[in-house]
Amino acid sequence: MKAVESRAEIYLMALQSLSKAEREAVIARLLEDAKLREDILDLMTMQQRQGELSRPFREYLTETRKRAGKG
């Protein structure tokens, strides 16, 4: 296990050991920080979409431009 993963496991265990009210307070504080909130939302989106098919970014851009009438 890498050091980052090990440290993350420690923090997760500490968070899980808190009462529900304490966990909610910690998470609320994390979400107050705009940059952390954005990171959390990005990670959630990646986790939710993990099983979806992917395609090259340039292909996406080409399709988007065509739909917008700029292609």
C-alpha atoms as a PDB file:
ATOM      1  CA  MET A   1       0.000   0.000   0.000  1.00  0.00           C
ATOM      2  CA  LYS A   2       1.324   3.415  -0.959  1.00  0.00           C
ATOM      3  CA  ALA A   3       1.827   6.093   1.691  1.00  0.00           C
ATOM      4  CA  VAL A   4      -1.067   8.134   0.297  1.00  0.00           C
ATOM      5  CA  GLU A   5      -3.418   5.151   0.432  1.00  0.00           C
ATOM      6  CA  SER A   6      -2.252   4.285   3.930  1.00  0.00           C
ATOM      7  CA  ARG A   7      -2.835   7.822   5.173  1.00  0.00           C
ATOM      8  CA  ALA A   8      -6.250   7.912   3.495  1.00  0.00           C
ATOM      9  CA  GLU A   9      -7.184   4.661   5.247  1.00  0.00           C
ATOM     10  CA  ILE A  10      -6.230   6.171   8.617  1.00  0.00           C
ATOM     11  CA  TYR A  11      -8.360   9.263   7.977  1.00  0.00           C
ATOM     12  CA  LEU A  12     -11.278   7.138   6.823  1.00  0.00           C
ATOM     13  CA  MET A  13     -11.093   4.964   9.929  1.00  0.00           C
ATOM     14  CA  ALA A  14     -10.993   8.082  12.105  1.00  0.00           C
ATOM     15  CA  LEU A  15     -14.022   9.529  10.305  1.00  0.00           C
ATOM     16  CA  GLN A  16     -15.943   6.269  10.647  1.00  0.00           C
ATOM     17  CA  SER A  17     -15.223   6.167  14.371  1.00  0.00           C
ATOM     18  CA  LEU A  18     -17.064   9.466  14.924  1.00  0.00           C
ATOM     19  CA  SER A  19     -20.735   9.719  15.821  1.00  0.00           C
ATOM     20  CA  LYS A  20     -23.152  10.540  13.024  1.00  0.00           C
ATOM     21  CA  ALA A  21     -23.406  14.159  14.169  1.00  0.00           C
ATOM     22  CA  GLU A  22     -19.609  14.483  14.252  1.00  0.00           C
ATOM     23  CA  ARG A  23     -19.249  12.928  10.772  1.00  0.00           C
ATOM     24  CA  GLU A  24     -21.864  15.295   9.396  1.00  0.00           C
ATOM     25  CA  ALA A  25     -20.058  18.257  10.973  1.00  0.00           C
ATOM     26  CA  VAL A  26     -16.723  17.221   9.424  1.00  0.00           C
ATOM     27  CA  ILE A  27     -18.266  16.680   5.998  1.00  0.00           C
ATOM     28  CA  ALA A  28     -20.124  19.988   6.202  1.00  0.00           C
ATOM     29  CA  ARG A  29     -16.848  21.758   6.985  1.00  0.00           C
ATOM     30  CA  LEU A  30     -15.170  20.070   4.011  1.00  0.00           C
ATOM     31  CA  LEU A  31     -17.982  21.199   1.732  1.00  0.00           C
ATOM     32  CA  GLU A  32     -17.666  24.815   2.933  1.00  0.00           C
ATOM     33  CA  ASP A  33     -14.331  25.058   1.116  1.00  0.00           C
ATOM     34  CA  ALA A  34     -15.095  25.717  -2.559  1.00  0.00           C
ATOM     35  CA  LYS A  35     -12.000  23.931  -3.868  1.00  0.00           C
ATOM     36  CA  LEU A  36     -12.535  20.865  -1.672  1.00  0.00           C
ATOM     37  CA  ARG A  37     -16.212  20.797  -2.625  1.00  0.00           C
ATOM     38  CA  GLU A  38     -15.288  20.831  -6.310  1.00  0.00           C
ATOM     39  CA  ASP A  39     -12.762  18.024  -5.773  1.00  0.00           C
ATOM     40  CA  ILE A  40     -15.348  15.965  -3.887  1.00  0.00           C
ATOM     41  CA  LEU A  41     -17.937  16.467  -6.646  1.00  0.00           C
ATOM     42  CA  ASP A  42     -15.378  15.529  -9.304  1.00  0.00           C
ATOM     43  CA  LEU A  43     -14.486  12.338  -7.412  1.00  0.00           C
ATOM     44  CA  MET A  44     -18.158  11.467  -6.960  1.00  0.00           C
ATOM     45  CA  THR A  45     -18.821  11.963 -10.664  1.00  0.00           C
ATOM     46  CA  MET A  46     -15.851   9.802 -11.635  1.00  0.00           C
ATOM     47  CA  GLN A  47     -16.994   7.070  -9.241  1.00  0.00           C
ATOM     48  CA  GLN A  48     -20.568   7.164 -10.561  1.00  0.00           C
ATOM     49  CA  ARG A  49     -19.493   7.077 -14.214  1.00  0.00           C
ATOM     50  CA  GLN A  50     -16.717   4.508 -13.795  1.00  0.00           C
ATOM     51  CA  GLY A  51     -18.510   1.812 -15.795  1.00  0.00           C
ATOM     52  CA  GLU A  52     -19.455   4.047 -18.719  1.00  0.00           C
ATOM     53  CA  LEU A  53     -17.806   3.792 -22.077  1.00  0.00           C
ATOM     54  CA  SER A  54     -15.292   6.480 -22.880  1.00  0.00           C
ATOM     55  CA  ARG A  55     -14.226   8.178 -26.084  1.00  0.00           C
ATOM     56  CA  PRO A  56     -11.435  10.501 -27.156  1.00  0.00           C
ATOM     57  CA  PHE A  57     -11.876  14.105 -26.033  1.00  0.00           C
ATOM     58  CA  ARG A  58     -11.265  15.419 -29.558  1.00  0.00           C
ATOM     59  CA  GLU A  59     -14.134  13.270 -30.820  1.00  0.00           C
ATOM     60  CA  TYR A  60     -16.396  14.786 -28.163  1.00  0.00           C
ATOM     61  CA  LEU A  61     -15.317  18.315 -29.128  1.00  0.00           C
ATOM     62  CA  THR A  62     -15.975  17.659 -32.817  1.00  0.00           C
ATOM     63  CA  GLU A  63     -19.455  16.351 -32.076  1.00  0.00           C
ATOM     64  CA  THR A  64     -20.224  19.254 -29.738  1.00  0.00           C
ATOM     65  CA  ARG A  65     -19.096  21.813 -32.320  1.00  0.00           C
ATOM     66  CA  LYS A  66     -21.219  20.181 -35.020  1.00  0.00           C
ATOM     67  CA  ARG A  67     -24.293  20.311 -32.817  1.00  0.00           C
ATOM     68  CA  ALA A  68     -23.636  23.965 -32.054  1.00  0.00           C
ATOM     69  CA  GLY A  69     -23.298  24.710 -35.765  1.00  0.00           C
ATOM     70  CA  LYS A  70     -19.632  25.584 -35.534  1.00  0.00           C
ATOM     71  CA  GLY A  71     -18.223  22.552 -37.228  1.00  0.00           C
END
